[in-house]
N, C-alpha and C. Protein backbone atom coordinates (compact mmCIF):
# COMPACT_ATOMS: atom_id res chain seq x y z
N UNK A 1 -53.32 15.51 115.10
CA UNK A 1 -52.59 14.25 115.03
C UNK A 1 -51.23 14.49 115.61
N UNK A 2 -50.73 13.54 116.37
CA UNK A 2 -49.39 13.61 116.96
C UNK A 2 -48.57 12.36 116.53
N UNK A 3 -47.27 12.46 116.69
CA UNK A 3 -46.42 11.30 116.37
C UNK A 3 -46.86 10.04 117.09
N UNK A 4 -47.42 10.19 118.30
CA UNK A 4 -47.86 9.05 119.07
C UNK A 4 -49.05 8.29 118.39
N UNK A 5 -49.70 8.96 117.44
CA UNK A 5 -50.83 8.35 116.75
C UNK A 5 -50.41 7.51 115.53
N UNK A 6 -49.12 7.49 115.20
CA UNK A 6 -48.63 6.86 113.99
C UNK A 6 -49.00 5.37 113.91
N UNK A 7 -48.74 4.62 114.94
CA UNK A 7 -49.08 3.19 114.90
C UNK A 7 -50.54 2.94 114.70
N UNK A 8 -51.37 3.71 115.38
CA UNK A 8 -52.81 3.57 115.26
C UNK A 8 -53.24 3.93 113.86
N UNK A 9 -52.64 4.97 113.27
CA UNK A 9 -52.98 5.37 111.91
C UNK A 9 -52.65 4.27 110.90
N UNK A 10 -51.46 3.66 111.09
CA UNK A 10 -51.07 2.57 110.19
C UNK A 10 -52.02 1.40 110.35
N UNK A 11 -52.47 1.07 111.54
CA UNK A 11 -53.43 -0.04 111.74
C UNK A 11 -54.75 0.31 111.07
N UNK A 12 -55.19 1.57 111.16
CA UNK A 12 -56.40 1.99 110.52
C UNK A 12 -56.35 1.87 109.02
N UNK A 13 -55.24 2.33 108.43
CA UNK A 13 -55.08 2.24 106.95
C UNK A 13 -55.08 0.79 106.54
N UNK A 14 -54.41 -0.06 107.28
CA UNK A 14 -54.37 -1.50 106.92
C UNK A 14 -55.78 -2.06 106.95
N UNK A 15 -56.53 -1.78 108.00
CA UNK A 15 -57.92 -2.30 108.09
C UNK A 15 -58.77 -1.82 106.90
N UNK A 16 -58.60 -0.58 106.53
CA UNK A 16 -59.37 -0.05 105.37
C UNK A 16 -58.91 -0.66 104.08
N UNK A 17 -57.58 -0.77 103.87
CA UNK A 17 -57.05 -1.35 102.69
C UNK A 17 -57.50 -2.79 102.52
N UNK A 18 -57.69 -3.54 103.60
CA UNK A 18 -58.14 -4.91 103.50
C UNK A 18 -59.56 -5.02 102.89
N UNK A 19 -60.35 -3.92 103.06
CA UNK A 19 -61.72 -3.96 102.47
C UNK A 19 -61.67 -3.83 100.94
N UNK A 20 -60.55 -3.36 100.39
CA UNK A 20 -60.37 -3.27 98.94
C UNK A 20 -60.50 -4.65 98.28
N UNK A 21 -60.18 -5.70 99.03
CA UNK A 21 -60.25 -7.02 98.47
C UNK A 21 -61.67 -7.36 97.94
N UNK A 22 -62.65 -6.67 98.48
CA UNK A 22 -64.03 -6.92 98.06
C UNK A 22 -64.34 -6.39 96.66
N UNK A 23 -63.58 -5.40 96.16
CA UNK A 23 -63.90 -4.79 94.89
C UNK A 23 -62.70 -4.62 93.95
N UNK A 24 -61.50 -4.80 94.49
CA UNK A 24 -60.27 -4.60 93.66
C UNK A 24 -60.19 -5.76 92.65
N UNK A 25 -59.43 -5.57 91.58
CA UNK A 25 -59.25 -6.65 90.60
C UNK A 25 -58.67 -7.91 91.24
N UNK A 26 -59.01 -9.05 90.65
CA UNK A 26 -58.45 -10.33 91.10
C UNK A 26 -56.96 -10.27 91.12
N UNK A 27 -56.33 -10.82 92.15
CA UNK A 27 -54.89 -10.83 92.24
C UNK A 27 -54.28 -9.63 92.98
N UNK A 28 -55.11 -8.60 93.24
CA UNK A 28 -54.62 -7.43 94.00
C UNK A 28 -54.27 -7.90 95.40
N UNK A 29 -53.21 -7.35 95.94
CA UNK A 29 -52.83 -7.65 97.33
C UNK A 29 -52.78 -6.40 98.18
N UNK A 30 -53.04 -6.53 99.43
CA UNK A 30 -53.03 -5.38 100.37
C UNK A 30 -51.58 -4.85 100.50
N UNK A 31 -51.35 -3.57 100.25
CA UNK A 31 -50.01 -3.06 100.39
C UNK A 31 -49.56 -2.97 101.84
N UNK A 32 -48.27 -3.06 102.07
CA UNK A 32 -47.65 -2.86 103.39
C UNK A 32 -47.46 -1.40 103.62
N UNK A 33 -47.86 -0.91 104.76
CA UNK A 33 -47.63 0.47 105.17
C UNK A 33 -46.26 0.52 105.85
N UNK A 34 -45.33 1.30 105.29
CA UNK A 34 -43.98 1.32 105.78
C UNK A 34 -43.87 2.14 107.07
N UNK A 35 -42.96 1.77 107.94
CA UNK A 35 -42.69 2.57 109.11
C UNK A 35 -42.25 3.97 108.72
N UNK A 36 -42.71 4.96 109.45
CA UNK A 36 -42.36 6.33 109.12
C UNK A 36 -43.34 7.00 108.15
N UNK A 37 -44.25 6.19 107.58
CA UNK A 37 -45.20 6.73 106.59
C UNK A 37 -46.08 7.82 107.23
N UNK A 38 -46.62 7.56 108.39
CA UNK A 38 -47.54 8.52 108.99
C UNK A 38 -46.92 9.83 109.36
N UNK A 39 -45.64 9.87 109.64
CA UNK A 39 -45.00 11.10 110.05
C UNK A 39 -45.01 12.16 108.98
N UNK A 40 -45.17 11.77 107.71
CA UNK A 40 -45.17 12.76 106.62
C UNK A 40 -46.40 13.71 106.69
N UNK A 41 -47.36 13.33 107.49
CA UNK A 41 -48.56 14.16 107.66
C UNK A 41 -48.41 15.18 108.78
N UNK A 42 -47.19 15.23 109.40
CA UNK A 42 -46.97 16.15 110.55
C UNK A 42 -46.19 17.39 110.16
N UNK A 43 -45.91 17.61 108.90
CA UNK A 43 -45.12 18.74 108.45
C UNK A 43 -45.75 20.07 108.80
N UNK A 44 -44.97 21.14 108.84
CA UNK A 44 -45.51 22.46 109.26
C UNK A 44 -46.58 23.00 108.31
N UNK A 45 -46.57 22.58 107.05
CA UNK A 45 -47.54 23.09 106.11
C UNK A 45 -48.76 22.15 106.01
N UNK A 46 -48.86 21.21 106.92
CA UNK A 46 -49.93 20.19 106.87
C UNK A 46 -50.88 20.32 108.06
N UNK A 47 -52.06 19.78 107.88
CA UNK A 47 -53.05 19.71 108.95
C UNK A 47 -53.56 18.27 108.95
N UNK A 48 -53.60 17.69 110.12
CA UNK A 48 -54.09 16.28 110.23
C UNK A 48 -54.83 16.14 111.54
N UNK A 49 -55.84 15.25 111.50
CA UNK A 49 -56.61 14.97 112.70
C UNK A 49 -56.96 13.49 112.72
N UNK A 50 -57.00 12.91 113.88
CA UNK A 50 -57.48 11.56 114.04
C UNK A 50 -58.61 11.56 115.07
N UNK A 51 -59.49 10.54 114.96
CA UNK A 51 -60.51 10.38 115.98
C UNK A 51 -60.17 9.10 116.72
N UNK A 52 -60.23 9.15 118.03
CA UNK A 52 -59.86 8.01 118.85
C UNK A 52 -61.05 7.60 119.70
N UNK A 53 -61.32 6.27 119.73
CA UNK A 53 -62.48 5.79 120.49
C UNK A 53 -62.14 5.66 122.01
N UNK A 54 -63.10 5.22 122.75
CA UNK A 54 -62.93 5.11 124.23
C UNK A 54 -61.84 4.12 124.62
N UNK A 55 -61.51 3.20 123.71
CA UNK A 55 -60.43 2.21 124.03
C UNK A 55 -59.07 2.71 123.60
N UNK A 56 -59.02 3.95 123.08
CA UNK A 56 -57.73 4.50 122.63
C UNK A 56 -57.30 4.11 121.22
N UNK A 57 -58.23 3.53 120.46
CA UNK A 57 -57.93 3.09 119.10
C UNK A 57 -58.26 4.23 118.10
N UNK A 58 -57.34 4.43 117.15
CA UNK A 58 -57.63 5.38 116.08
C UNK A 58 -58.69 4.79 115.16
N UNK A 59 -59.83 5.50 115.08
CA UNK A 59 -60.93 5.02 114.26
C UNK A 59 -61.16 5.82 112.99
N UNK A 60 -60.52 6.98 112.89
CA UNK A 60 -60.70 7.78 111.67
C UNK A 60 -59.54 8.76 111.59
N UNK A 61 -59.30 9.18 110.31
CA UNK A 61 -58.22 10.18 110.09
C UNK A 61 -58.59 11.01 108.90
N UNK A 62 -57.99 12.18 108.83
CA UNK A 62 -58.11 13.07 107.66
C UNK A 62 -56.91 14.01 107.73
N UNK A 63 -56.41 14.42 106.58
CA UNK A 63 -55.30 15.38 106.51
C UNK A 63 -55.45 16.22 105.26
N UNK A 64 -54.76 17.36 105.24
CA UNK A 64 -54.63 18.09 104.01
C UNK A 64 -53.29 18.87 104.06
N UNK A 65 -52.88 19.23 102.84
CA UNK A 65 -51.68 20.03 102.66
C UNK A 65 -51.90 20.93 101.45
N UNK A 66 -51.02 21.87 101.21
CA UNK A 66 -51.16 22.65 99.97
C UNK A 66 -51.09 21.71 98.78
N UNK A 67 -51.93 21.93 97.79
CA UNK A 67 -51.92 21.14 96.57
C UNK A 67 -50.80 21.64 95.66
N UNK A 68 -50.27 20.72 94.86
CA UNK A 68 -49.24 21.02 93.88
C UNK A 68 -49.62 20.33 92.55
N UNK A 69 -49.06 20.83 91.49
CA UNK A 69 -49.24 20.17 90.20
C UNK A 69 -48.48 18.85 90.32
N UNK A 70 -49.23 17.75 90.27
CA UNK A 70 -48.62 16.44 90.46
C UNK A 70 -49.13 15.52 89.34
N UNK A 71 -48.21 14.84 88.68
CA UNK A 71 -48.63 13.90 87.62
C UNK A 71 -49.28 12.65 88.16
N UNK A 72 -49.06 12.34 89.42
CA UNK A 72 -49.62 11.14 90.02
C UNK A 72 -49.52 11.27 91.52
N UNK A 73 -50.26 10.42 92.29
CA UNK A 73 -50.15 10.47 93.71
C UNK A 73 -48.68 10.18 94.16
N UNK A 74 -48.30 10.81 95.22
CA UNK A 74 -46.97 10.53 95.78
C UNK A 74 -46.30 11.79 96.25
N UNK A 75 -45.03 11.86 96.18
CA UNK A 75 -44.31 13.00 96.62
C UNK A 75 -44.66 14.29 95.84
N UNK A 76 -44.61 15.42 96.53
CA UNK A 76 -44.91 16.69 95.88
C UNK A 76 -43.76 16.94 94.90
N UNK A 77 -44.15 17.17 93.62
CA UNK A 77 -43.12 17.36 92.60
C UNK A 77 -43.28 18.61 91.81
N UNK A 78 -44.42 19.20 91.74
CA UNK A 78 -44.67 20.34 90.86
C UNK A 78 -44.88 21.59 91.65
N UNK A 79 -45.13 22.68 90.93
CA UNK A 79 -45.39 23.97 91.56
C UNK A 79 -46.68 23.96 92.35
N UNK A 80 -46.81 24.83 93.32
CA UNK A 80 -48.06 24.85 94.12
C UNK A 80 -49.24 25.37 93.27
N UNK A 81 -50.44 24.94 93.69
CA UNK A 81 -51.67 25.43 93.09
C UNK A 81 -52.27 26.41 94.08
N UNK A 82 -52.13 27.71 93.91
CA UNK A 82 -52.61 28.66 94.89
C UNK A 82 -54.08 28.49 95.22
N UNK A 83 -54.37 28.48 96.50
CA UNK A 83 -55.72 28.39 97.00
C UNK A 83 -56.32 27.02 96.99
N UNK A 84 -55.50 26.00 96.66
CA UNK A 84 -56.03 24.63 96.55
C UNK A 84 -55.41 23.77 97.63
N UNK A 85 -56.24 23.04 98.36
CA UNK A 85 -55.77 22.11 99.36
C UNK A 85 -55.87 20.67 98.83
N UNK A 86 -54.93 19.84 99.16
CA UNK A 86 -54.98 18.42 98.80
C UNK A 86 -55.37 17.60 100.02
N UNK A 87 -56.48 16.89 99.92
CA UNK A 87 -56.99 16.06 101.02
C UNK A 87 -56.39 14.67 100.90
N UNK A 88 -55.98 14.14 102.03
CA UNK A 88 -55.41 12.81 102.09
C UNK A 88 -55.85 12.07 103.34
N UNK A 89 -55.58 10.83 103.36
CA UNK A 89 -55.84 9.91 104.45
C UNK A 89 -57.23 10.02 105.11
N UNK A 90 -58.25 10.19 104.31
CA UNK A 90 -59.58 10.19 104.90
C UNK A 90 -60.01 8.75 105.01
N UNK A 91 -59.87 8.22 106.23
CA UNK A 91 -60.18 6.80 106.50
C UNK A 91 -61.07 6.72 107.71
N UNK A 92 -61.97 5.75 107.70
CA UNK A 92 -62.77 5.38 108.87
C UNK A 92 -62.67 3.90 109.03
N UNK A 93 -62.44 3.40 110.23
CA UNK A 93 -62.35 1.96 110.45
C UNK A 93 -63.64 1.30 109.97
N UNK A 94 -63.52 0.19 109.24
CA UNK A 94 -64.69 -0.51 108.71
C UNK A 94 -65.73 -0.83 109.76
N UNK A 95 -65.35 -1.06 111.00
CA UNK A 95 -66.33 -1.38 112.06
C UNK A 95 -67.14 -0.13 112.42
N UNK A 96 -66.76 1.04 111.91
CA UNK A 96 -67.45 2.28 112.24
C UNK A 96 -68.07 2.96 111.04
N UNK A 97 -68.11 2.28 109.88
CA UNK A 97 -68.72 2.83 108.68
C UNK A 97 -70.20 3.10 108.95
N UNK A 98 -70.72 4.08 108.22
CA UNK A 98 -72.13 4.45 108.20
C UNK A 98 -72.54 5.16 109.49
N UNK A 99 -71.59 5.73 110.22
CA UNK A 99 -71.96 6.45 111.45
C UNK A 99 -71.80 7.98 111.25
N UNK A 100 -71.43 8.38 110.03
CA UNK A 100 -71.28 9.81 109.76
C UNK A 100 -69.89 10.36 110.12
N UNK A 101 -68.99 9.48 110.52
CA UNK A 101 -67.66 9.94 110.96
C UNK A 101 -66.89 10.57 109.82
N UNK A 102 -66.89 9.96 108.64
CA UNK A 102 -66.12 10.48 107.50
C UNK A 102 -66.60 11.91 107.20
N UNK A 103 -67.91 12.11 107.18
CA UNK A 103 -68.42 13.47 106.90
C UNK A 103 -68.03 14.47 107.91
N UNK A 104 -68.04 14.09 109.22
CA UNK A 104 -67.66 15.05 110.25
C UNK A 104 -66.13 15.33 110.14
N UNK A 105 -65.35 14.31 109.86
CA UNK A 105 -63.90 14.51 109.72
C UNK A 105 -63.61 15.47 108.55
N UNK A 106 -64.27 15.23 107.44
CA UNK A 106 -64.07 16.09 106.26
C UNK A 106 -64.60 17.50 106.55
N UNK A 107 -65.72 17.65 107.25
CA UNK A 107 -66.20 18.96 107.64
C UNK A 107 -65.12 19.73 108.44
N UNK A 108 -64.53 19.04 109.40
CA UNK A 108 -63.49 19.69 110.20
C UNK A 108 -62.30 20.12 109.36
N UNK A 109 -61.92 19.24 108.45
CA UNK A 109 -60.79 19.61 107.57
C UNK A 109 -61.13 20.77 106.71
N UNK A 110 -62.34 20.80 106.15
CA UNK A 110 -62.76 21.88 105.30
C UNK A 110 -62.84 23.20 106.04
N UNK A 111 -63.27 23.16 107.27
CA UNK A 111 -63.33 24.38 108.07
C UNK A 111 -61.89 24.90 108.31
N UNK A 112 -60.95 23.99 108.55
CA UNK A 112 -59.56 24.43 108.74
C UNK A 112 -58.98 24.95 107.42
N UNK A 113 -59.36 24.36 106.31
CA UNK A 113 -58.92 24.86 104.97
C UNK A 113 -59.40 26.33 104.78
N UNK A 114 -60.67 26.51 105.05
CA UNK A 114 -61.26 27.83 104.86
C UNK A 114 -60.54 28.90 105.74
N UNK A 115 -60.26 28.50 106.98
CA UNK A 115 -59.51 29.40 107.89
C UNK A 115 -58.16 29.78 107.32
N UNK A 116 -57.56 28.87 106.56
CA UNK A 116 -56.25 29.12 105.97
C UNK A 116 -56.25 29.75 104.59
N UNK A 117 -57.48 30.09 104.16
CA UNK A 117 -57.66 30.79 102.87
C UNK A 117 -57.79 29.93 101.64
N UNK A 118 -57.94 28.64 101.81
CA UNK A 118 -58.14 27.78 100.62
C UNK A 118 -59.54 28.02 100.07
N UNK A 119 -59.68 27.91 98.77
CA UNK A 119 -61.02 28.09 98.12
C UNK A 119 -61.42 26.84 97.34
N UNK A 120 -60.52 25.88 97.22
CA UNK A 120 -60.80 24.68 96.44
C UNK A 120 -60.06 23.51 97.11
N UNK A 121 -60.56 22.31 96.90
CA UNK A 121 -59.88 21.09 97.44
C UNK A 121 -59.86 20.03 96.36
N UNK A 122 -58.87 19.15 96.46
CA UNK A 122 -58.75 18.04 95.54
C UNK A 122 -58.26 16.82 96.29
N UNK A 123 -58.39 15.67 95.68
CA UNK A 123 -57.89 14.41 96.25
C UNK A 123 -57.78 13.36 95.15
N UNK A 124 -57.17 12.25 95.52
CA UNK A 124 -57.08 11.05 94.73
C UNK A 124 -57.85 9.95 95.44
N UNK A 125 -58.52 9.05 94.70
CA UNK A 125 -59.13 7.87 95.28
C UNK A 125 -59.06 6.73 94.28
N UNK A 126 -58.95 5.50 94.74
CA UNK A 126 -58.92 4.40 93.78
C UNK A 126 -60.20 4.36 92.90
N UNK A 127 -59.99 4.14 91.65
CA UNK A 127 -61.09 4.10 90.72
C UNK A 127 -61.98 2.87 91.05
N UNK A 128 -63.24 3.09 91.14
CA UNK A 128 -64.23 2.04 91.47
C UNK A 128 -64.40 1.79 92.96
N UNK A 129 -63.67 2.53 93.80
CA UNK A 129 -63.83 2.39 95.23
C UNK A 129 -65.18 2.92 95.73
N UNK A 130 -65.74 2.28 96.75
CA UNK A 130 -66.97 2.79 97.31
C UNK A 130 -66.86 4.28 97.74
N UNK A 131 -65.68 4.75 98.03
CA UNK A 131 -65.46 6.13 98.44
C UNK A 131 -65.92 7.08 97.33
N UNK A 132 -65.88 6.65 96.11
CA UNK A 132 -66.34 7.56 95.01
C UNK A 132 -67.79 7.97 95.25
N UNK A 133 -68.61 7.11 95.71
CA UNK A 133 -70.04 7.48 95.99
C UNK A 133 -70.11 8.53 97.10
N UNK A 134 -69.27 8.34 98.14
CA UNK A 134 -69.22 9.29 99.25
C UNK A 134 -68.86 10.69 98.74
N UNK A 135 -67.82 10.78 97.94
CA UNK A 135 -67.38 12.08 97.44
C UNK A 135 -68.42 12.72 96.54
N UNK A 136 -69.00 11.92 95.61
CA UNK A 136 -70.02 12.45 94.72
C UNK A 136 -71.21 12.99 95.53
N UNK A 137 -71.63 12.30 96.57
CA UNK A 137 -72.73 12.75 97.38
C UNK A 137 -72.47 14.07 98.05
N UNK A 138 -71.18 14.36 98.26
CA UNK A 138 -70.80 15.64 98.93
C UNK A 138 -70.46 16.72 97.91
N UNK A 139 -70.72 16.48 96.65
CA UNK A 139 -70.51 17.50 95.62
C UNK A 139 -69.17 17.51 94.92
N UNK A 140 -68.36 16.53 95.23
CA UNK A 140 -67.11 16.39 94.53
C UNK A 140 -67.35 15.86 93.12
N UNK A 141 -66.48 16.24 92.16
CA UNK A 141 -66.61 15.74 90.82
C UNK A 141 -65.25 15.27 90.32
N UNK A 142 -65.24 14.28 89.46
CA UNK A 142 -63.96 13.84 88.84
C UNK A 142 -63.43 15.03 88.08
N UNK A 143 -62.13 15.24 88.19
CA UNK A 143 -61.52 16.42 87.59
C UNK A 143 -60.63 16.13 86.35
N UNK A 144 -60.68 14.88 85.89
CA UNK A 144 -59.93 14.47 84.70
C UNK A 144 -58.55 13.87 85.00
N UNK A 145 -58.08 13.99 86.21
CA UNK A 145 -56.76 13.38 86.55
C UNK A 145 -56.95 11.87 86.71
N UNK A 146 -56.02 11.12 86.13
CA UNK A 146 -55.99 9.66 86.26
C UNK A 146 -54.54 9.27 86.38
N UNK A 147 -54.30 8.26 87.16
CA UNK A 147 -52.92 7.80 87.33
C UNK A 147 -52.87 6.40 87.89
N UNK A 148 -51.71 5.84 87.88
CA UNK A 148 -51.46 4.55 88.55
C UNK A 148 -50.80 4.85 89.89
N UNK A 149 -51.36 4.32 90.97
CA UNK A 149 -50.75 4.53 92.27
C UNK A 149 -49.82 3.35 92.57
N UNK A 150 -48.52 3.49 92.45
CA UNK A 150 -47.65 2.36 92.59
C UNK A 150 -47.65 1.68 93.96
N UNK A 151 -47.84 2.43 94.98
CA UNK A 151 -47.83 1.85 96.34
C UNK A 151 -49.11 1.07 96.59
N UNK A 152 -50.25 1.60 96.16
CA UNK A 152 -51.52 0.90 96.38
C UNK A 152 -51.70 -0.16 95.33
N UNK A 153 -51.16 0.05 94.18
CA UNK A 153 -51.26 -0.96 93.10
C UNK A 153 -52.61 -0.90 92.38
N UNK A 154 -53.20 0.28 92.28
CA UNK A 154 -54.48 0.44 91.64
C UNK A 154 -54.50 1.75 90.84
N UNK A 155 -55.41 1.81 89.85
CA UNK A 155 -55.67 3.04 89.13
C UNK A 155 -56.41 3.98 90.06
N UNK A 156 -56.05 5.27 90.04
CA UNK A 156 -56.70 6.24 90.89
C UNK A 156 -57.23 7.36 89.98
N UNK A 157 -58.26 8.04 90.48
CA UNK A 157 -58.85 9.18 89.79
C UNK A 157 -58.85 10.38 90.70
N UNK A 158 -58.76 11.56 90.06
CA UNK A 158 -58.75 12.80 90.87
C UNK A 158 -60.19 13.33 90.97
N UNK A 159 -60.45 13.88 92.16
CA UNK A 159 -61.72 14.59 92.42
C UNK A 159 -61.40 15.98 92.94
N UNK A 160 -62.27 16.90 92.68
CA UNK A 160 -62.11 18.29 93.17
C UNK A 160 -63.44 18.95 93.37
N UNK A 161 -63.39 20.00 94.16
CA UNK A 161 -64.61 20.79 94.34
C UNK A 161 -64.24 22.10 94.99
N UNK A 162 -65.07 23.10 94.83
CA UNK A 162 -64.91 24.40 95.46
C UNK A 162 -65.30 24.23 96.96
N UNK A 163 -64.60 24.91 97.82
CA UNK A 163 -65.03 24.91 99.20
C UNK A 163 -66.23 25.83 99.35
N UNK A 164 -67.20 25.44 100.14
CA UNK A 164 -68.40 26.24 100.27
C UNK A 164 -68.39 26.96 101.55
């Protein structure tokens, strides 16, 4: 991922967030993605990738960084968790769902994690989101973390698994 992909990534996240209206609690509203948000995935200790279609549109993304002890999603606040990667921004444009893109993107991220010596991975996802079925099918399990995600405005749950 490069800085030039930021606008496309923001559009992708917005399109995916709009699908939450199908299952989120009544009254939930789609959050605004702030300018500069995507650049936080470009740090030297991070890995990020986007998939771009033939028209130049970002259709998928995935990223990871070193995991830290965190009481909730958001800025890194606690000490690092040795050997654990934190997965973020795994999104596929809704028009491209069910094509295997998310699995391939996560496979690429996991290969990069293994190359960097990670042995475990973790993530947050909204509770009740269809993504929970995707993670469970790939061997992820809820790890007991629960929090309120203030930016998304939903309860989130933590998932983790050993890298294979």
